[in-house]
Amino acid sequence: MESVNAESVNVESVNWDDPTAAAVRNAMAAELHLRYADRLATRPPSAGRAVVTETVAYTGVAYTADRLPVGHAALRWLGDDLELKGMYVAPSHRGRGVSTRLLAAVEQAAWDLGAGRIVLQTGDRQPDAERLYARAGYTRIPIFPPYEALTYSRCFQKLLTGEDVRAS
């Protein structure tokens, strides 16, 4: 396996429908399906939670120096806020700073787009994600639309300032 650290990972902006971005999202969906399988049968319809291409403001794919795609993150407009969607790092590359690079790219993109806040939703079976967001300055907020029916949701926000973005 290739030796990877955060410095050797490059996050590139791509279109939402980019085949590599879609493949990484499919890997994420498969992993989440396994993690939450017992809840999927009773989960309410996903109206409002599905990403509509026209709302996507940024999509980033993390590549190693050898062009192996190892992560994904996207932002979509949700009212006046940007919502972080599809933050994912391949299991083989976790713990190497890839998620930190993805978050930095997302926050820079949000700042460049003029957003004052990023919101996100994750689940109660993703404590690693909760720790990552807390370390990066995200704070817990109440479950926001369209996730109210997902009672196991954990929602966060980060208010963006120029200092935060320059420090990442």
C-alpha atoms as a PDB file:
ATOM      1  CA  MET A   1       0.000   0.000   0.000  1.00  0.00           C
ATOM      2  CA  GLU A   2       1.185   3.496  -0.856  1.00  0.00           C
ATOM      3  CA  SER A   3       2.484   5.575   2.031  1.00  0.00           C
ATOM      4  CA  VAL A   4       0.127   8.521   2.405  1.00  0.00           C
ATOM      5  CA  ASN A   5       0.116  11.533   4.659  1.00  0.00           C
ATOM      6  CA  ALA A   6      -1.915  14.706   4.479  1.00  0.00           C
ATOM      7  CA  GLU A   7       0.807  16.551   2.585  1.00  0.00           C
ATOM      8  CA  SER A   8       0.776  14.005  -0.237  1.00  0.00           C
ATOM      9  CA  VAL A   9      -2.990  14.302  -0.736  1.00  0.00           C
ATOM     10  CA  ASN A  10      -4.393  16.814  -3.182  1.00  0.00           C
ATOM     11  CA  VAL A  11      -8.070  17.803  -3.139  1.00  0.00           C
ATOM     12  CA  GLU A  12      -9.345  18.703  -6.585  1.00  0.00           C
ATOM     13  CA  SER A  13     -12.596  20.465  -7.405  1.00  0.00           C
ATOM     14  CA  VAL A  14     -14.719  18.383  -9.792  1.00  0.00           C
ATOM     15  CA  ASN A  15     -18.291  18.355 -11.020  1.00  0.00           C
ATOM     16  CA  TRP A  16     -20.848  16.557  -8.848  1.00  0.00           C
ATOM     17  CA  ASP A  17     -21.441  14.033 -11.637  1.00  0.00           C
ATOM     18  CA  ASP A  18     -17.720  13.345 -12.160  1.00  0.00           C
ATOM     19  CA  PRO A  19     -17.362   9.531 -12.455  1.00  0.00           C
ATOM     20  CA  THR A  20     -14.626   9.345  -9.816  1.00  0.00           C
ATOM     21  CA  ALA A  21     -16.656  11.449  -7.361  1.00  0.00           C
ATOM     22  CA  ALA A  22     -19.688   9.235  -7.998  1.00  0.00           C
ATOM     23  CA  ALA A  23     -17.621   6.075  -7.427  1.00  0.00           C
ATOM     24  CA  VAL A  24     -16.329   7.379  -4.083  1.00  0.00           C
ATOM     25  CA  ARG A  25     -19.887   8.345  -3.050  1.00  0.00           C
ATOM     26  CA  ASN A  26     -21.042   4.836  -3.974  1.00  0.00           C
ATOM     27  CA  ALA A  27     -18.362   3.376  -1.694  1.00  0.00           C
ATOM     28  CA  MET A  28     -19.574   5.681   1.080  1.00  0.00           C
ATOM     29  CA  ALA A  29     -23.202   4.657   0.515  1.00  0.00           C
ATOM     30  CA  ALA A  30     -22.264   0.966   0.696  1.00  0.00           C
ATOM     31  CA  GLU A  31     -20.404   1.483   3.976  1.00  0.00           C
ATOM     32  CA  LEU A  32     -23.244   3.499   5.503  1.00  0.00           C
ATOM     33  CA  HIS A  33     -25.756   0.904   4.342  1.00  0.00           C
ATOM     34  CA  LEU A  34     -23.897  -1.725   6.362  1.00  0.00           C
ATOM     35  CA  ARG A  35     -23.507   0.551   9.390  1.00  0.00           C
ATOM     36  CA  TYR A  36     -27.207   1.470   9.504  1.00  0.00           C
ATOM     37  CA  ALA A  37     -28.749  -1.637   7.884  1.00  0.00           C
ATOM     38  CA  ASP A  38     -31.145  -2.320  10.748  1.00  0.00           C
ATOM     39  CA  ARG A  39     -32.618   1.173  10.429  1.00  0.00           C
ATOM     40  CA  LEU A  40     -32.993   1.301   6.659  1.00  0.00           C
ATOM     41  CA  ALA A  41     -36.200  -0.732   6.523  1.00  0.00           C
ATOM     42  CA  THR A  42     -37.972   1.714   8.819  1.00  0.00           C
ATOM     43  CA  ARG A  43     -36.355   4.900   7.571  1.00  0.00           C
ATOM     44  CA  PRO A  44     -38.795   7.505   6.303  1.00  0.00           C
ATOM     45  CA  PRO A  45     -38.650   8.546   2.633  1.00  0.00           C
ATOM     46  CA  SER A  46     -35.671  10.725   1.782  1.00  0.00           C
ATOM     47  CA  ALA A  47     -37.544  13.741   0.396  1.00  0.00           C
ATOM     48  CA  GLY A  48     -35.273  16.750   0.744  1.00  0.00           C
ATOM     49  CA  ARG A  49     -32.237  14.707   1.746  1.00  0.00           C
ATOM     50  CA  ALA A  50     -31.289  13.615  -1.763  1.00  0.00           C
ATOM     51  CA  VAL A  51     -28.812  15.924  -3.421  1.00  0.00           C
ATOM     52  CA  VAL A  52     -30.218  17.866  -6.362  1.00  0.00           C
ATOM     53  CA  THR A  53     -27.367  18.631  -8.741  1.00  0.00           C
ATOM     54  CA  GLU A  54     -28.420  22.260  -9.133  1.00  0.00           C
ATOM     55  CA  THR A  55     -27.896  22.871  -5.390  1.00  0.00           C
ATOM     56  CA  VAL A  56     -24.308  21.569  -5.360  1.00  0.00           C
ATOM     57  CA  ALA A  57     -21.863  24.432  -4.895  1.00  0.00           C
ATOM     58  CA  TYR A  58     -18.621  22.444  -4.582  1.00  0.00           C
ATOM     59  CA  THR A  59     -17.407  18.864  -4.951  1.00  0.00           C
ATOM     60  CA  GLY A  60     -13.895  17.823  -4.017  1.00  0.00           C
ATOM     61  CA  VAL A  61     -12.095  14.522  -4.514  1.00  0.00           C
ATOM     62  CA  ALA A  62      -8.938  13.726  -2.547  1.00  0.00           C
ATOM     63  CA  TYR A  63      -6.220  12.032  -4.599  1.00  0.00           C
ATOM     64  CA  THR A  64      -2.931  10.521  -3.528  1.00  0.00           C
ATOM     65  CA  ALA A  65       0.248  11.416  -5.426  1.00  0.00           C
ATOM     66  CA  ASP A  66      -0.370   8.293  -7.542  1.00  0.00           C
ATOM     67  CA  ARG A  67      -3.878   9.593  -8.477  1.00  0.00           C
ATOM     68  CA  LEU A  68      -5.722   7.103  -6.294  1.00  0.00           C
ATOM     69  CA  PRO A  69      -9.029   8.673  -5.197  1.00  0.00           C
ATOM     70  CA  VAL A  70      -9.250   8.285  -1.418  1.00  0.00           C
ATOM     71  CA  GLY A  71     -11.870  10.810  -0.307  1.00  0.00           C
ATOM     72  CA  HIS A  72     -14.808  13.012  -1.199  1.00  0.00           C
ATOM     73  CA  ALA A  73     -16.656  16.008   0.185  1.00  0.00           C
ATOM     74  CA  ALA A  74     -19.307  18.283  -1.267  1.00  0.00           C
ATOM     75  CA  LEU A  75     -21.256  21.383  -0.361  1.00  0.00           C
ATOM     76  CA  ARG A  76     -24.829  22.079  -1.306  1.00  0.00           C
ATOM     77  CA  TRP A  77     -26.911  25.167  -0.753  1.00  0.00           C
ATOM     78  CA  LEU A  78     -29.527  24.680   1.946  1.00  0.00           C
ATOM     79  CA  GLY A  79     -31.245  28.037   2.177  1.00  0.00           C
ATOM     80  CA  ASP A  80     -28.574  30.620   3.015  1.00  0.00           C
ATOM     81  CA  ASP A  81     -26.230  27.981   4.447  1.00  0.00           C
ATOM     82  CA  LEU A  82     -23.921  25.508   2.807  1.00  0.00           C
ATOM     83  CA  GLU A  83     -24.375  21.910   3.915  1.00  0.00           C
ATOM     84  CA  LEU A  84     -21.445  19.505   3.947  1.00  0.00           C
ATOM     85  CA  LYS A  85     -22.562  16.372   2.109  1.00  0.00           C
ATOM     86  CA  GLY A  86     -20.785  13.144   1.366  1.00  0.00           C
ATOM     87  CA  MET A  87     -17.667  13.604   3.495  1.00  0.00           C
ATOM     88  CA  TYR A  88     -15.877  10.291   3.149  1.00  0.00           C
ATOM     89  CA  VAL A  89     -12.396   8.809   3.337  1.00  0.00           C
ATOM     90  CA  ALA A  90     -11.634   5.309   2.096  1.00  0.00           C
ATOM     91  CA  PRO A  91     -11.043   2.951   5.057  1.00  0.00           C
ATOM     92  CA  SER A  92      -7.533   2.166   3.795  1.00  0.00           C
ATOM     93  CA  HIS A  93      -6.558   5.836   4.155  1.00  0.00           C
ATOM     94  CA  ARG A  94      -8.203   6.856   7.398  1.00  0.00           C
ATOM     95  CA  GLY A  95      -6.086   8.288  10.186  1.00  0.00           C
ATOM     96  CA  ARG A  96      -3.667   9.925   7.746  1.00  0.00           C
ATOM     97  CA  GLY A  97      -5.024  13.459   7.595  1.00  0.00           C
ATOM     98  CA  VAL A  98      -7.138  13.056   4.454  1.00  0.00           C
ATOM     99  CA  SER A  99     -10.302  14.204   6.232  1.00  0.00           C
ATOM    100  CA  THR A 100      -8.514  17.290   7.519  1.00  0.00           C
ATOM    101  CA  ARG A 101      -7.446  18.174   3.969  1.00  0.00           C
ATOM    102  CA  LEU A 102     -11.001  17.646   2.712  1.00  0.00           C
ATOM    103  CA  LEU A 103     -12.449  19.861   5.460  1.00  0.00           C
ATOM    104  CA  ALA A 104      -9.929  22.592   4.693  1.00  0.00           C
ATOM    105  CA  ALA A 105     -10.882  22.488   1.001  1.00  0.00           C
ATOM    106  CA  VAL A 106     -14.594  22.576   1.837  1.00  0.00           C
ATOM    107  CA  GLU A 107     -14.180  25.501   4.227  1.00  0.00           C
ATOM    108  CA  GLN A 108     -12.118  27.438   1.690  1.00  0.00           C
ATOM    109  CA  ALA A 109     -14.753  26.802  -0.984  1.00  0.00           C
ATOM    110  CA  ALA A 110     -17.531  27.915   1.390  1.00  0.00           C
ATOM    111  CA  TRP A 111     -15.609  31.073   2.238  1.00  0.00           C
ATOM    112  CA  ASP A 112     -14.997  31.775  -1.462  1.00  0.00           C
ATOM    113  CA  LEU A 113     -18.733  31.333  -2.094  1.00  0.00           C
ATOM    114  CA  GLY A 114     -19.531  33.916   0.581  1.00  0.00           C
ATOM    115  CA  ALA A 115     -21.168  31.549   3.041  1.00  0.00           C
ATOM    116  CA  GLY A 116     -21.096  32.469   6.702  1.00  0.00           C
ATOM    117  CA  ARG A 117     -21.903  29.003   7.978  1.00  0.00           C
ATOM    118  CA  ILE A 118     -21.506  25.336   7.129  1.00  0.00           C
ATOM    119  CA  VAL A 119     -24.010  22.870   8.562  1.00  0.00           C
ATOM    120  CA  LEU A 120     -23.831  19.094   8.458  1.00  0.00           C
ATOM    121  CA  GLN A 121     -25.630  15.960   9.541  1.00  0.00           C
ATOM    122  CA  THR A 122     -24.029  12.709  10.574  1.00  0.00           C
ATOM    123  CA  GLY A 123     -25.322   9.731  12.523  1.00  0.00           C
ATOM    124  CA  ASP A 124     -24.936   8.369  16.014  1.00  0.00           C
ATOM    125  CA  ARG A 125     -22.947   5.403  14.710  1.00  0.00           C
ATOM    126  CA  GLN A 126     -20.187   7.639  13.393  1.00  0.00           C
ATOM    127  CA  PRO A 127     -18.355   8.785  16.531  1.00  0.00           C
ATOM    128  CA  ASP A 128     -15.159   9.186  14.505  1.00  0.00           C
ATOM    129  CA  ALA A 129     -16.902  11.817  12.373  1.00  0.00           C
ATOM    130  CA  GLU A 130     -18.255  13.578  15.463  1.00  0.00           C
ATOM    131  CA  ARG A 131     -14.740  13.776  16.932  1.00  0.00           C
ATOM    132  CA  LEU A 132     -13.311  15.103  13.661  1.00  0.00           C
ATOM    133  CA  TYR A 133     -15.895  17.864  13.432  1.00  0.00           C
ATOM    134  CA  ALA A 134     -15.504  18.849  17.082  1.00  0.00           C
ATOM    135  CA  ARG A 135     -11.703  19.074  16.679  1.00  0.00           C
ATOM    136  CA  ALA A 136     -12.216  21.268  13.605  1.00  0.00           C
ATOM    137  CA  GLY A 137     -14.379  23.769  15.504  1.00  0.00           C
ATOM    138  CA  TYR A 138     -17.845  22.531  14.601  1.00  0.00           C
ATOM    139  CA  THR A 139     -20.460  22.721  17.357  1.00  0.00           C
ATOM    140  CA  ARG A 140     -23.570  20.605  17.913  1.00  0.00           C
ATOM    141  CA  ILE A 141     -26.887  22.112  16.867  1.00  0.00           C
ATOM    142  CA  PRO A 142     -30.442  20.746  16.904  1.00  0.00           C
ATOM    143  CA  ILE A 143     -31.447  18.450  14.068  1.00  0.00           C
ATOM    144  CA  PHE A 144     -32.339  20.687  11.130  1.00  0.00           C
ATOM    145  CA  PRO A 145     -34.604  20.137   8.095  1.00  0.00           C
ATOM    146  CA  PRO A 146     -34.700  17.842   6.217  1.00  0.00           C
ATOM    147  CA  TYR A 147     -33.333  15.434   8.853  1.00  0.00           C
ATOM    148  CA  GLU A 148     -35.974  15.749  11.617  1.00  0.00           C
ATOM    149  CA  ALA A 149     -37.315  12.241  11.002  1.00  0.00           C
ATOM    150  CA  LEU A 150     -33.823  10.782  11.480  1.00  0.00           C
ATOM    151  CA  THR A 151     -33.818  10.920  15.273  1.00  0.00           C
ATOM    152  CA  TYR A 152     -30.339   9.390  15.440  1.00  0.00           C
ATOM    153  CA  SER A 153     -28.886  12.381  13.567  1.00  0.00           C
ATOM    154  CA  ARG A 154     -26.071  14.428  15.003  1.00  0.00           C
ATOM    155  CA  CYS A 155     -25.978  17.895  13.474  1.00  0.00           C
ATOM    156  CA  PHE A 156     -23.186  20.442  13.600  1.00  0.00           C
ATOM    157  CA  GLN A 157     -22.363  23.930  12.389  1.00  0.00           C
ATOM    158  CA  LYS A 158     -19.304  26.040  11.888  1.00  0.00           C
ATOM    159  CA  LEU A 159     -19.455  29.787  11.578  1.00  0.00           C
ATOM    160  CA  LEU A 160     -16.837  30.847   9.074  1.00  0.00           C
ATOM    161  CA  THR A 161     -14.426  33.690   9.553  1.00  0.00           C
ATOM    162  CA  GLY A 162     -11.459  34.598   7.428  1.00  0.00           C
ATOM    163  CA  GLU A 163      -9.153  33.585  10.269  1.00  0.00           C
ATOM    164  CA  ASP A 164     -10.637  30.069  10.435  1.00  0.00           C
ATOM    165  CA  VAL A 165     -10.194  29.504   6.714  1.00  0.00           C
ATOM    166  CA  ARG A 166      -6.642  30.864   6.588  1.00  0.00           C
ATOM    167  CA  ALA A 167      -5.665  28.667   9.554  1.00  0.00           C
ATOM    168  CA  SER A 168      -6.852  25.456   7.911  1.00  0.00           C
END
